[in-house]
Amino acid sequence: MIIFFRRIGATNQDRGICSPAKQAAFKSVYGDTIAIKPQEAQHSDLIILWSVNAIATDLHFLHDVNVAKQRGATVWVIDTHKTYTYDQATHHVYVKPGSDGALALGLMHIIHRDDLADIDFIQRYVQGYEELVRDVLPTFTPDYVSSICGVPAEVIEELAHAYAKAKAPFIRLGSGVSRYGNGSMSCRCINALPAVIGAWQHLGGGLLSSASSSQYLNKSFMQQPQVVTPAKRLMPMILLGDLLTNPKALLEHGLEDTSGGVPVHSLYVFSSNPAITAPNQNFVRQGLMRDDLFTVVHERFFTDTCAYADIILPATSSVESDDIFNSYGHYTIGANYQAIPPVGESRSNWQVISELARRMGLDDPFFKMTELELIEQMVRSSSKLSQEEQDRILQGDLVEVELPENYKLDFKTPSGKIEILNPQENIPLITYREPYGDGEPFWLIVGNDIRILDSSFCEMEFDDPELMKLRMNPDDARLYNINDGDVVEIYNIRGTVRIKVYLDAMVQRGTLVTLGVWWQSQSSDDAVGINALTASRPTDAGWGSTFYDVQVNIRKI
């Protein structure tokens, strides 16, 4: 789809709403180093699931965790609240939202203080450790870190020693920690941990931030630079509501817009449901309601965004079209061939833009290719894949690509080392930065509901009559005269959401927890979703979303 809109000169879109801050952090510390294979965790003797609810969001990795557990590994979970993954771990650490970077620095403080760092590895492979020890770590004592994170000092000590003394510790870093105003710096701090103890040199040791096979597919073929019309602006996805309601929003955020702030008059939505999933939901809906905005939605189901569409185009599902997939979280590639004919008038993304190109008089041969021809050319032009791998992919096999030998210690950075200190960064040395916050008394935690994925699968029928719920610590509830089952309003400067409260002693004081991003028809008051409370503020690097950097107040109604 993107190549078509670039061809006609539409506003370009930065699609990194999920975890660009985490990706920027890994690149800052490790450059273009190949990410560790997730299966290596099977050989670890200590696994930390840091900000990752594996049962809800990383189920394939949970298999590797279980293999390691059968071999005697211990599992720690670090998160802001009790998740579905709770029972998979032997140790649980609950941190205050946005404080993960301080915890990582506190662990390194203890590791250095107690002579648990691998100095030989550091001297050979790490840049910036001396500066870290001199300028940063002295401040992050266990007591000081406890005051920031809410984790008892003795637990910080226990975790630091367990991690440093393990033979091959493995950290699986999720994306939640990156969705704060300090998200990228927090991830930089966590990324430094395996460097300090030399975990990378051991089978089963290291850190997995994100792995993908995308680099093994020749995507440049799909970008077709010869048919691209230069865009006049690039819009980060988090600013959709801003741009729809304020044509000069990009300029006001310091971003380039050579159009000078031309209003958006046409919006094409595919593979997305921005009316409920985009931040600053009230702005988004205000923009979608503009009389002068022509909106087309290409969808399988009638989502919240469809209600604002001038035209709705039925889309195919994955079993009705031909496609190819690189993986997210591991290193496999697979072609997905059509299993059944499209239902009704449903068409795939490629079929729609091919037909649009024809009707708009775009004669580029590229748009005349079929999906099968595109798949064949993409695979055959991917020089990183062997002939055998190409053949197997085109035959419909799921292929795991081969990684180079000793890739874990081949640090592809300017220095050739792990860069705890990166001179190219605005803040070269890792440290702790505070999240934005909103000046309200409660952090709002929007976790993952195991039944849905963001707002996908909300079209299903659920037995639960109340899908959108709020969990609150009983001690906090007493201060607000709130009882179990009461309907309350949670609110901040951006919006108000009505929701039913359930008391839960496992919820941290000063936090409120809700799970899932539910459609309007499934919210407590049939009006707005939880993203009415979230902001379109960017992360400290990568222009990522700060969905979790939100504070609210609460009142009983």
Protein backbone atom coordinates (compact mmCIF):
# COMPACT_ATOMS: atom_id res chain seq x y z
CA MET A 1 0.00 0.00 0.00
CA ILE A 2 2.71 2.46 0.98
CA ILE A 3 4.39 2.47 -2.44
CA PHE A 4 1.14 3.62 -4.06
CA PHE A 5 0.70 6.58 -1.73
CA ARG A 6 4.34 7.53 -2.14
CA ARG A 7 3.80 7.37 -5.90
CA ILE A 8 1.02 9.97 -5.77
CA GLY A 9 2.94 12.23 -3.35
CA ALA A 10 0.75 11.76 -0.27
CA THR A 11 1.92 12.68 3.21
CA ASN A 12 4.50 10.09 4.17
CA GLN A 13 3.94 8.20 7.41
CA ASP A 14 6.48 7.11 10.00
CA ARG A 15 4.90 3.82 11.02
CA GLY A 16 7.01 3.29 14.14
CA ILE A 17 4.30 3.59 16.75
CA CYS A 18 5.12 0.32 18.51
CA SER A 19 8.71 0.29 19.75
CA PRO A 20 11.03 2.68 17.87
CA ALA A 21 12.43 3.96 21.18
CA LYS A 22 13.52 0.44 22.08
CA GLN A 23 15.03 -0.03 18.64
CA ALA A 24 16.86 3.29 18.91
CA ALA A 25 18.25 2.19 22.27
CA PHE A 26 19.60 -1.09 20.91
CA LYS A 27 21.17 0.72 17.97
CA SER A 28 22.73 3.28 20.32
CA VAL A 29 24.44 0.57 22.38
CA TYR A 30 24.96 -2.21 19.82
CA GLY A 31 24.72 -0.48 16.43
CA ASP A 32 23.84 -2.94 13.68
CA THR A 33 24.81 -6.00 15.70
CA ILE A 34 22.64 -9.02 14.91
CA ALA A 35 20.12 -9.66 17.68
CA ILE A 36 20.44 -12.90 19.62
CA LYS A 37 18.34 -15.89 18.56
CA PRO A 38 15.48 -16.34 21.04
CA GLN A 39 16.07 -20.11 21.14
CA GLU A 40 19.40 -19.49 22.85
CA ALA A 41 17.45 -18.76 26.03
CA GLN A 42 16.91 -22.51 26.28
CA HIS A 43 20.54 -22.75 27.46
CA SER A 44 20.25 -20.01 30.08
CA ASP A 45 20.30 -20.67 33.82
CA LEU A 46 18.59 -17.36 34.70
CA ILE A 47 16.00 -15.60 32.54
CA ILE A 48 14.60 -12.14 33.22
CA LEU A 49 11.29 -11.31 31.54
CA TRP A 50 11.57 -7.53 31.72
CA SER A 51 8.41 -5.65 30.78
CA VAL A 52 7.16 -8.56 28.70
CA ASN A 53 3.89 -10.39 29.36
CA ALA A 54 4.98 -13.50 27.49
CA ILE A 55 1.71 -15.41 27.74
CA ALA A 56 -0.21 -12.55 26.13
CA THR A 57 2.37 -11.13 23.71
CA ASP A 58 5.36 -13.46 23.27
CA LEU A 59 4.01 -16.97 23.41
CA HIS A 60 6.60 -18.51 21.09
CA PHE A 61 9.39 -17.31 23.41
CA LEU A 62 7.65 -18.88 26.37
CA HIS A 63 8.47 -22.27 24.86
CA ASP A 64 12.19 -21.42 25.15
CA VAL A 65 11.64 -20.30 28.74
CA ASN A 66 9.96 -23.58 29.62
CA VAL A 67 12.81 -25.60 28.10
CA ALA A 68 15.28 -23.62 30.22
CA LYS A 69 13.14 -24.16 33.33
CA GLN A 70 13.15 -27.90 32.72
CA ARG A 71 16.94 -27.69 32.69
CA GLY A 72 16.95 -25.90 36.04
CA ALA A 73 16.80 -22.20 35.12
CA THR A 74 15.22 -19.65 37.43
CA VAL A 75 12.90 -17.02 35.99
CA TRP A 76 12.45 -13.45 37.18
CA VAL A 77 9.65 -11.15 36.05
CA ILE A 78 10.10 -7.38 36.23
CA ASP A 79 6.93 -5.42 35.49
CA THR A 80 4.64 -2.68 36.74
CA HIS A 81 1.78 -5.05 37.63
CA LYS A 82 0.83 -8.69 37.99
CA THR A 83 0.30 -10.14 34.50
CA TYR A 84 -0.81 -13.45 33.02
CA THR A 85 2.87 -14.46 33.08
CA TYR A 86 3.05 -14.33 36.89
CA ASP A 87 2.89 -18.11 37.37
CA GLN A 88 5.74 -18.70 34.93
CA ALA A 89 8.28 -17.04 37.24
CA THR A 90 9.92 -17.94 40.53
CA HIS A 91 10.70 -14.31 41.43
CA HIS A 92 8.62 -11.17 40.88
CA VAL A 93 9.78 -7.55 40.97
CA TYR A 94 7.24 -4.73 40.61
CA VAL A 95 8.59 -1.32 39.64
CA LYS A 96 6.92 2.05 39.54
CA PRO A 97 6.01 3.00 35.96
CA GLY A 98 8.88 4.61 34.06
CA SER A 99 11.55 3.75 36.65
CA ASP A 100 13.17 0.75 34.91
CA GLY A 101 16.29 2.65 33.92
CA ALA A 102 17.03 3.49 37.54
CA LEU A 103 16.67 -0.17 38.50
CA ALA A 104 19.15 -1.20 35.80
CA LEU A 105 21.66 1.37 37.05
CA GLY A 106 21.12 0.19 40.61
CA LEU A 107 21.92 -3.37 39.58
CA MET A 108 25.11 -2.19 37.90
CA HIS A 109 26.04 -0.19 41.02
CA ILE A 110 25.92 -3.38 43.11
CA ILE A 111 27.70 -5.44 40.46
CA HIS A 112 30.58 -2.97 40.43
CA ARG A 113 30.60 -2.45 44.20
CA ASP A 114 30.83 -6.18 44.88
CA ASP A 115 33.46 -6.92 42.20
CA LEU A 116 31.03 -8.97 40.11
CA ALA A 117 31.73 -7.22 36.80
CA ASP A 118 33.67 -9.09 34.11
CA ILE A 119 36.58 -6.69 33.76
CA ASP A 120 38.35 -8.75 31.08
CA PHE A 121 35.26 -8.70 28.87
CA ILE A 122 34.72 -5.00 29.55
CA GLN A 123 38.27 -4.05 28.60
CA ARG A 124 37.98 -5.96 25.35
CA TYR A 125 34.42 -5.27 24.27
CA VAL A 126 32.89 -2.30 26.14
CA GLN A 127 33.25 1.46 25.64
CA GLY A 128 32.31 3.80 28.48
CA TYR A 129 32.39 1.58 31.57
CA GLU A 130 35.05 3.68 33.29
CA GLU A 131 32.96 6.82 32.78
CA LEU A 132 29.84 5.02 33.97
CA VAL A 133 31.54 3.94 37.20
CA ARG A 134 32.96 7.40 37.77
CA ASP A 135 30.06 9.68 36.79
CA VAL A 136 26.79 7.75 37.16
CA LEU A 137 26.81 4.62 39.29
CA PRO A 138 27.87 6.18 42.63
CA THR A 139 24.48 7.92 42.86
CA PHE A 140 22.41 4.78 42.28
CA THR A 141 22.74 3.07 45.62
CA PRO A 142 20.13 0.44 46.55
CA ASP A 143 18.35 2.84 48.89
CA TYR A 144 18.26 5.63 46.31
CA VAL A 145 17.02 3.29 43.59
CA SER A 146 14.39 1.92 45.96
CA SER A 147 13.07 5.45 46.47
CA ILE A 148 12.61 5.79 42.70
CA CYS A 149 11.40 2.31 41.78
CA GLY A 150 9.52 1.26 44.89
CA VAL A 151 11.49 -2.01 44.95
CA PRO A 152 12.91 -2.90 48.41
CA ALA A 153 16.67 -2.44 48.60
CA GLU A 154 17.18 -6.06 49.67
CA VAL A 155 15.34 -7.28 46.55
CA ILE A 156 17.58 -5.12 44.37
CA GLU A 157 20.60 -6.67 46.09
CA GLU A 158 19.25 -10.19 45.59
CA LEU A 159 18.51 -9.64 41.91
CA ALA A 160 21.91 -8.07 41.23
CA HIS A 161 23.78 -11.00 42.78
CA ALA A 162 21.57 -13.62 41.12
CA TYR A 163 22.05 -12.00 37.72
CA ALA A 164 25.80 -11.44 38.00
CA LYS A 165 26.53 -14.90 39.42
CA ALA A 166 24.50 -16.81 36.83
CA LYS A 167 26.56 -18.67 34.25
CA ALA A 168 24.50 -17.52 31.27
CA PRO A 169 21.79 -14.98 32.18
CA PHE A 170 19.31 -13.97 29.47
CA ILE A 171 17.14 -10.83 29.47
CA ARG A 172 14.03 -10.68 27.28
CA LEU A 173 13.21 -6.99 27.04
CA GLY A 174 9.64 -6.13 26.11
CA SER A 175 8.32 -2.95 24.54
CA GLY A 176 6.30 -1.59 27.46
CA VAL A 177 9.34 -0.07 29.17
CA SER A 178 10.02 1.97 26.03
CA ARG A 179 6.61 3.66 25.92
CA TYR A 180 7.46 6.47 28.32
CA GLY A 181 9.08 9.84 27.77
CA ASN A 182 12.32 8.30 29.04
CA GLY A 183 11.77 4.99 27.24
CA SER A 184 14.82 4.93 25.01
CA MET A 185 17.23 5.88 27.78
CA SER A 186 15.70 3.27 30.07
CA CYS A 187 16.26 0.65 27.38
CA ARG A 188 19.84 1.84 26.87
CA CYS A 189 20.48 1.25 30.58
CA ILE A 190 18.97 -2.25 30.48
CA ASN A 191 20.92 -3.07 27.30
CA ALA A 192 24.14 -2.35 29.19
CA LEU A 193 23.56 -5.05 31.81
CA PRO A 194 24.83 -8.09 29.83
CA ALA A 195 27.89 -6.07 28.81
CA VAL A 196 28.90 -5.41 32.41
CA ILE A 197 28.93 -9.10 33.37
CA GLY A 198 30.13 -10.45 30.01
CA ALA A 199 26.98 -12.49 29.40
CA TRP A 200 27.42 -12.31 25.63
CA GLN A 201 30.38 -14.68 25.61
CA HIS A 202 28.37 -17.60 27.03
CA LEU A 203 25.88 -19.89 25.29
CA GLY A 204 22.47 -18.86 26.61
CA GLY A 205 23.66 -15.44 27.77
CA GLY A 206 22.68 -12.05 26.39
CA LEU A 207 19.67 -9.83 25.82
CA LEU A 208 16.89 -10.01 23.26
CA SER A 209 15.28 -6.67 22.54
CA SER A 210 13.81 -7.51 19.17
CA ALA A 211 14.70 -9.97 16.43
CA SER A 212 13.46 -10.03 12.87
CA SER A 213 14.18 -11.74 9.59
CA SER A 214 13.24 -8.61 7.63
CA GLN A 215 16.85 -7.82 6.71
CA TYR A 216 17.04 -11.12 4.82
CA LEU A 217 14.23 -10.15 2.43
CA ASN A 218 14.98 -7.68 -0.34
CA LYS A 219 12.45 -5.02 0.59
CA SER A 220 14.18 -2.40 -1.57
CA PHE A 221 12.49 -4.11 -4.52
CA MET A 222 9.12 -3.06 -3.06
CA GLN A 223 10.19 0.54 -2.54
CA GLN A 224 10.73 1.22 -6.26
CA PRO A 225 12.53 4.58 -5.95
CA GLN A 226 11.99 5.27 -9.66
CA VAL A 227 8.23 5.59 -9.14
CA VAL A 228 8.25 7.60 -5.91
CA THR A 229 7.10 11.21 -5.82
CA PRO A 230 8.94 13.04 -3.01
CA ALA A 231 6.64 13.65 -0.07
CA LYS A 232 6.41 17.12 1.41
CA ARG A 233 6.19 15.87 4.98
CA LEU A 234 6.64 12.81 7.19
CA MET A 235 4.03 12.30 9.91
CA PRO A 236 4.80 10.15 12.95
CA MET A 237 1.77 7.93 13.60
CA ILE A 238 1.34 9.31 17.10
CA LEU A 239 0.53 12.75 15.64
CA LEU A 240 -2.50 11.69 13.60
CA GLY A 241 -4.95 13.50 15.86
CA ASP A 242 -2.73 16.56 16.00
CA LEU A 243 -2.41 16.82 12.21
CA LEU A 244 -6.10 16.17 11.52
CA THR A 245 -7.09 19.01 13.85
CA ASN A 246 -4.16 21.37 13.23
CA PRO A 247 -2.53 21.57 9.77
CA LYS A 248 0.61 23.13 11.25
CA ALA A 249 1.06 20.43 13.90
CA LEU A 250 4.25 19.01 12.38
CA LEU A 251 5.85 22.44 12.18
CA GLU A 252 4.89 23.15 15.78
CA HIS A 253 6.60 19.90 16.80
CA GLY A 254 9.77 20.99 15.00
CA LEU A 255 9.29 18.54 12.12
CA GLU A 256 9.79 19.29 8.44
CA ASP A 257 6.72 20.16 6.38
CA THR A 258 7.58 21.78 3.06
CA SER A 259 3.86 22.09 2.29
CA GLY A 260 3.78 24.86 4.86
CA GLY A 261 0.96 23.20 6.77
CA VAL A 262 -1.56 22.13 4.14
CA PRO A 263 -4.63 20.51 5.77
CA VAL A 264 -5.27 16.79 5.32
CA HIS A 265 -8.39 16.41 3.18
CA SER A 266 -8.19 12.70 2.37
CA LEU A 267 -7.43 9.78 4.67
CA TYR A 268 -7.02 6.13 3.68
CA VAL A 269 -7.00 3.67 6.59
CA PHE A 270 -5.79 0.08 6.24
CA SER A 271 -4.56 -2.47 8.79
CA SER A 272 -5.36 0.03 11.53
CA ASN A 273 -8.15 1.27 13.77
CA PRO A 274 -6.96 4.76 14.76
CA ALA A 275 -10.29 5.91 16.19
CA ILE A 276 -9.61 3.66 19.18
CA THR A 277 -5.88 2.79 19.07
CA ALA A 278 -4.20 6.13 18.35
CA PRO A 279 -3.16 8.34 21.28
CA ASN A 280 -5.09 11.46 22.21
CA GLN A 281 -8.30 9.79 21.06
CA ASN A 282 -10.50 12.84 21.43
CA PHE A 283 -8.32 14.77 18.97
CA VAL A 284 -8.37 11.84 16.54
CA ARG A 285 -12.15 11.58 16.61
CA GLN A 286 -12.54 15.33 16.34
CA GLY A 287 -10.41 15.21 13.21
CA LEU A 288 -12.28 12.24 11.74
CA MET A 289 -15.57 14.12 12.15
CA ARG A 290 -14.47 17.01 9.93
CA ASP A 291 -16.93 17.62 7.08
CA ASP A 292 -14.08 18.40 4.70
CA LEU A 293 -12.21 15.13 5.38
CA PHE A 294 -12.83 12.29 2.90
CA THR A 295 -12.09 8.99 4.66
CA VAL A 296 -11.78 5.52 3.17
CA VAL A 297 -11.40 2.48 5.43
CA HIS A 298 -10.26 -0.89 4.06
CA GLU A 299 -11.30 -3.42 6.71
CA ARG A 300 -12.49 -6.95 7.48
CA PHE A 301 -14.84 -5.88 10.29
CA PHE A 302 -16.85 -2.80 11.21
CA THR A 303 -14.38 -1.18 13.60
CA ASP A 304 -14.76 2.13 15.41
CA THR A 305 -12.94 3.86 12.56
CA CYS A 306 -15.47 2.54 10.03
CA ALA A 307 -18.11 4.69 11.70
CA TYR A 308 -16.27 7.78 10.42
CA ALA A 309 -15.70 6.52 6.87
CA ASP A 310 -17.22 7.92 3.69
CA ILE A 311 -16.42 4.65 1.93
CA ILE A 312 -15.74 1.22 3.46
CA LEU A 313 -13.90 -1.33 1.34
CA PRO A 314 -14.09 -5.00 2.41
CA ALA A 315 -10.64 -6.52 2.98
CA THR A 316 -9.44 -10.09 2.69
CA SER A 317 -8.13 -12.08 5.61
CA SER A 318 -4.82 -13.94 5.57
CA VAL A 319 -6.48 -17.09 4.22
CA GLU A 320 -7.97 -15.27 1.22
CA SER A 321 -4.82 -13.77 -0.32
CA ASP A 322 -1.20 -14.51 -1.19
CA ASP A 323 1.49 -12.85 0.90
CA ILE A 324 4.94 -13.27 2.41
CA PHE A 325 5.93 -12.65 6.01
CA ASN A 326 9.15 -11.90 7.79
CA SER A 327 9.00 -12.64 11.49
CA TYR A 328 8.85 -10.38 14.52
CA GLY A 329 10.65 -11.86 17.50
CA HIS A 330 12.51 -14.63 15.71
CA TYR A 331 14.29 -15.42 12.43
CA THR A 332 11.83 -17.20 10.16
CA ILE A 333 10.38 -16.32 6.75
CA GLY A 334 7.31 -17.85 5.19
CA ALA A 335 5.03 -17.43 2.20
CA ASN A 336 1.31 -17.55 2.91
CA TYR A 337 -0.72 -18.81 -0.01
CA GLN A 338 -4.43 -18.32 -0.54
CA ALA A 339 -6.49 -21.11 1.00
CA ILE A 340 -9.99 -19.98 -0.01
CA PRO A 341 -11.37 -17.49 -2.56
CA PRO A 342 -12.09 -13.98 -1.26
CA VAL A 343 -15.48 -13.73 0.41
CA GLY A 344 -17.93 -11.42 -1.34
CA GLU A 345 -16.23 -8.34 -2.79
CA SER A 346 -13.23 -8.54 -0.45
CA ARG A 347 -9.90 -7.54 -1.95
CA SER A 348 -6.36 -7.57 -0.62
CA ASN A 349 -4.27 -4.45 -0.11
CA TRP A 350 -2.34 -5.11 -3.31
CA GLN A 351 -5.46 -5.73 -5.38
CA VAL A 352 -6.95 -2.42 -4.24
CA ILE A 353 -3.90 -0.29 -5.03
CA SER A 354 -3.32 -2.06 -8.35
CA GLU A 355 -6.86 -1.19 -9.37
CA LEU A 356 -6.52 2.37 -8.07
CA ALA A 357 -3.29 2.78 -10.06
CA ARG A 358 -5.03 1.55 -13.22
CA ARG A 359 -8.00 3.86 -12.79
CA MET A 360 -5.76 6.83 -12.02
CA GLY A 361 -3.71 6.25 -15.16
CA LEU A 362 -0.48 5.16 -13.47
CA ASP A 363 1.25 3.02 -16.08
CA ASP A 364 4.16 1.78 -13.94
CA PRO A 365 4.66 -1.95 -14.71
CA PHE A 366 5.20 -2.49 -11.00
CA PHE A 367 1.49 -2.00 -10.25
CA LYS A 368 0.52 -4.53 -12.92
CA MET A 369 2.28 -7.42 -11.20
CA THR A 370 0.27 -10.05 -9.35
CA GLU A 371 0.88 -10.90 -5.70
CA LEU A 372 2.49 -14.20 -6.68
CA GLU A 373 4.83 -12.39 -9.08
CA LEU A 374 5.78 -9.93 -6.34
CA ILE A 375 6.52 -12.75 -3.89
CA GLU A 376 8.64 -14.59 -6.44
CA GLN A 377 10.68 -11.52 -7.36
CA MET A 378 11.19 -10.48 -3.75
CA VAL A 379 12.46 -13.89 -2.71
CA ARG A 380 14.62 -14.48 -5.79
CA SER A 381 16.27 -11.05 -5.43
CA SER A 382 17.12 -11.63 -1.74
CA SER A 383 20.86 -12.32 -1.96
CA LYS A 384 21.14 -13.09 1.77
CA LEU A 385 19.02 -16.20 1.23
CA SER A 386 20.57 -19.32 -0.24
CA GLN A 387 19.07 -20.96 -3.32
CA GLU A 388 17.76 -23.75 -1.10
CA GLU A 389 16.17 -21.27 1.32
CA GLN A 390 14.52 -19.40 -1.56
CA ASP A 391 13.13 -22.63 -3.00
CA ARG A 392 11.73 -23.75 0.33
CA ILE A 393 10.07 -20.40 1.01
CA LEU A 394 8.38 -20.39 -2.40
CA GLN A 395 7.24 -23.96 -1.79
CA GLY A 396 5.41 -22.77 1.31
CA ASP A 397 7.88 -23.95 3.96
CA LEU A 398 8.65 -21.91 7.06
CA VAL A 399 12.40 -21.22 6.85
CA GLU A 400 14.65 -20.16 9.71
CA VAL A 401 17.56 -18.18 8.30
CA GLU A 402 21.12 -19.05 9.26
CA LEU A 403 23.03 -16.51 11.36
CA PRO A 404 26.80 -15.99 10.96
CA GLU A 405 29.14 -17.88 13.25
CA ASN A 406 30.15 -15.96 16.39
CA TYR A 407 27.67 -13.19 15.53
CA LYS A 408 27.04 -12.41 19.21
CA LEU A 409 30.53 -10.95 19.69
CA ASP A 410 30.67 -9.16 16.33
CA PHE A 411 29.62 -5.74 17.60
CA LYS A 412 28.80 -3.59 14.58
CA THR A 413 29.31 -0.16 16.12
CA PRO A 414 31.72 2.65 15.12
CA SER A 415 34.09 1.60 17.90
CA GLY A 416 33.62 -2.12 17.34
CA LYS A 417 32.56 -2.34 20.99
CA ILE A 418 29.38 -2.20 23.05
CA GLU A 419 28.83 1.53 23.47
CA ILE A 420 27.60 2.30 26.97
CA LEU A 421 28.99 5.70 26.06
CA ASN A 422 27.94 6.68 22.55
CA PRO A 423 29.47 10.02 21.47
CA GLN A 424 26.87 10.37 18.71
CA GLU A 425 24.00 10.70 21.20
CA ASN A 426 22.71 13.96 22.67
CA ILE A 427 23.28 12.33 26.05
CA PRO A 428 26.36 10.17 25.34
CA LEU A 429 26.55 8.25 28.64
CA ILE A 430 23.66 6.16 29.92
CA THR A 431 21.91 7.64 32.93
CA TYR A 432 18.42 7.94 34.41
CA ARG A 433 15.79 10.32 33.06
CA GLU A 434 12.34 10.81 34.53
CA PRO A 435 9.18 10.10 32.53
CA TYR A 436 6.78 12.90 31.60
CA GLY A 437 3.97 12.26 34.05
CA ASP A 438 0.89 14.49 34.17
CA GLY A 439 0.89 15.76 37.73
CA GLU A 440 -2.00 13.48 38.70
CA PRO A 441 -1.97 11.03 41.67
CA PHE A 442 -2.23 7.71 39.76
CA TRP A 443 -0.22 6.08 37.01
CA LEU A 444 -2.55 4.41 34.52
CA ILE A 445 -1.26 1.03 33.32
CA VAL A 446 -2.92 -0.32 30.17
CA GLY A 447 -1.82 -3.94 29.97
CA ASN A 448 -2.54 -6.70 27.48
CA ASP A 449 -5.76 -8.69 27.59
CA ILE A 450 -5.06 -12.26 26.57
CA ARG A 451 -8.25 -12.42 24.48
CA ILE A 452 -7.32 -9.66 22.04
CA LEU A 453 -4.27 -8.02 20.46
CA ASP A 454 -4.50 -4.25 20.88
CA SER A 455 -7.94 -3.73 19.31
CA SER A 456 -7.78 -6.74 16.99
CA PHE A 457 -10.23 -9.59 17.61
CA CYS A 458 -12.68 -7.29 19.40
CA GLU A 459 -15.23 -8.39 16.80
CA MET A 460 -15.59 -11.71 18.62
CA GLU A 461 -18.39 -12.43 21.06
CA PHE A 462 -17.31 -12.63 24.69
CA ASP A 463 -19.19 -14.13 27.62
CA ASP A 464 -17.87 -11.39 29.91
CA PRO A 465 -20.47 -8.57 30.06
CA GLU A 466 -17.86 -6.09 31.30
CA LEU A 467 -14.77 -6.18 29.11
CA MET A 468 -13.35 -2.84 30.18
CA LYS A 469 -12.46 -2.96 33.88
CA LEU A 470 -10.21 -1.07 36.25
CA ARG A 471 -8.19 -2.66 39.04
CA MET A 472 -7.25 -0.58 42.09
CA ASN A 473 -5.40 -1.22 45.32
CA PRO A 474 -7.87 -1.44 48.27
CA ASP A 475 -5.81 0.97 50.40
CA ASP A 476 -6.00 3.62 47.67
CA ALA A 477 -9.70 2.94 47.20
CA ARG A 478 -10.45 3.62 50.86
CA LEU A 479 -8.93 7.09 50.56
CA TYR A 480 -11.41 7.88 47.78
CA ASN A 481 -14.39 6.11 49.38
CA ILE A 482 -14.46 3.68 46.47
CA ASN A 483 -15.85 0.17 46.90
CA ASP A 484 -15.50 -2.97 44.82
CA GLY A 485 -17.86 -2.77 41.84
CA ASP A 486 -18.32 1.01 41.91
CA VAL A 487 -18.45 2.95 38.66
CA VAL A 488 -15.86 5.71 38.60
CA GLU A 489 -14.41 8.28 36.25
CA ILE A 490 -10.70 8.42 35.60
CA TYR A 491 -9.61 11.67 34.05
CA ASN A 492 -6.81 14.05 33.14
CA ILE A 493 -6.35 17.12 30.97
CA ARG A 494 -7.00 15.11 27.80
CA GLY A 495 -10.21 13.29 28.62
CA THR A 496 -12.49 11.32 30.92
CA VAL A 497 -13.32 7.62 30.89
CA ARG A 498 -16.11 5.96 32.87
CA ILE A 499 -15.27 2.46 34.08
CA LYS A 500 -16.13 -0.08 36.81
CA VAL A 501 -13.59 -0.68 39.59
CA TYR A 502 -12.48 -3.99 41.06
CA LEU A 503 -10.24 -3.99 44.11
CA ASP A 504 -7.02 -6.00 43.89
CA ALA A 505 -4.30 -6.12 46.54
CA MET A 506 -1.75 -7.11 43.88
CA VAL A 507 -2.03 -3.68 42.25
CA GLN A 508 0.70 -1.31 43.39
CA ARG A 509 -0.30 1.73 45.43
CA GLY A 510 -0.49 4.78 43.20
CA THR A 511 -1.32 2.79 40.07
CA LEU A 512 -4.51 1.80 38.28
CA VAL A 513 -4.57 -1.15 35.89
CA THR A 514 -6.84 -1.90 32.94
CA LEU A 515 -6.36 -4.53 30.25
CA GLY A 516 -6.98 -4.25 26.52
CA VAL A 517 -7.99 -1.56 24.05
CA TRP A 518 -11.68 -2.23 23.55
CA TRP A 519 -14.03 -0.89 20.89
CA GLN A 520 -16.48 1.89 21.70
CA SER A 521 -19.38 -0.56 21.96
CA GLN A 522 -17.44 -2.50 24.60
CA SER A 523 -16.39 0.43 26.80
CA SER A 524 -18.15 1.05 30.07
CA ASP A 525 -20.14 4.05 28.90
CA ASP A 526 -20.32 3.24 25.18
CA ALA A 527 -18.55 6.52 24.46
CA VAL A 528 -14.76 6.56 24.58
CA GLY A 529 -11.90 4.14 24.97
CA ILE A 530 -8.89 4.25 27.22
CA ASN A 531 -6.80 6.21 24.70
CA ALA A 532 -8.87 9.30 25.45
CA LEU A 533 -6.39 9.65 28.32
CA THR A 534 -3.11 9.04 26.47
CA ALA A 535 -0.93 11.74 24.95
CA SER A 536 0.74 12.21 21.58
CA ARG A 537 4.03 13.15 23.24
CA PRO A 538 7.05 11.39 21.70
CA THR A 539 9.65 9.22 23.37
CA ASP A 540 13.11 10.61 24.01
CA ALA A 541 14.39 8.94 20.82
CA GLY A 542 12.76 7.41 17.76
CA TRP A 543 9.47 9.35 17.90
CA GLY A 544 7.75 6.40 19.51
CA SER A 545 4.48 6.37 21.42
CA THR A 546 4.23 7.13 25.13
CA PHE A 547 1.03 5.16 25.73
CA TYR A 548 2.12 4.17 29.26
CA ASP A 549 3.38 7.59 30.33
CA VAL A 550 -0.01 8.76 31.55
CA GLN A 551 -1.30 9.81 34.95
CA VAL A 552 -4.92 10.26 35.98
CA ASN A 553 -7.14 11.22 38.87
CA ILE A 554 -10.21 9.25 39.94
CA ARG A 555 -13.64 10.11 41.28
CA LYS A 556 -16.63 8.07 42.32
CA ILE A 557 -19.87 8.81 40.51
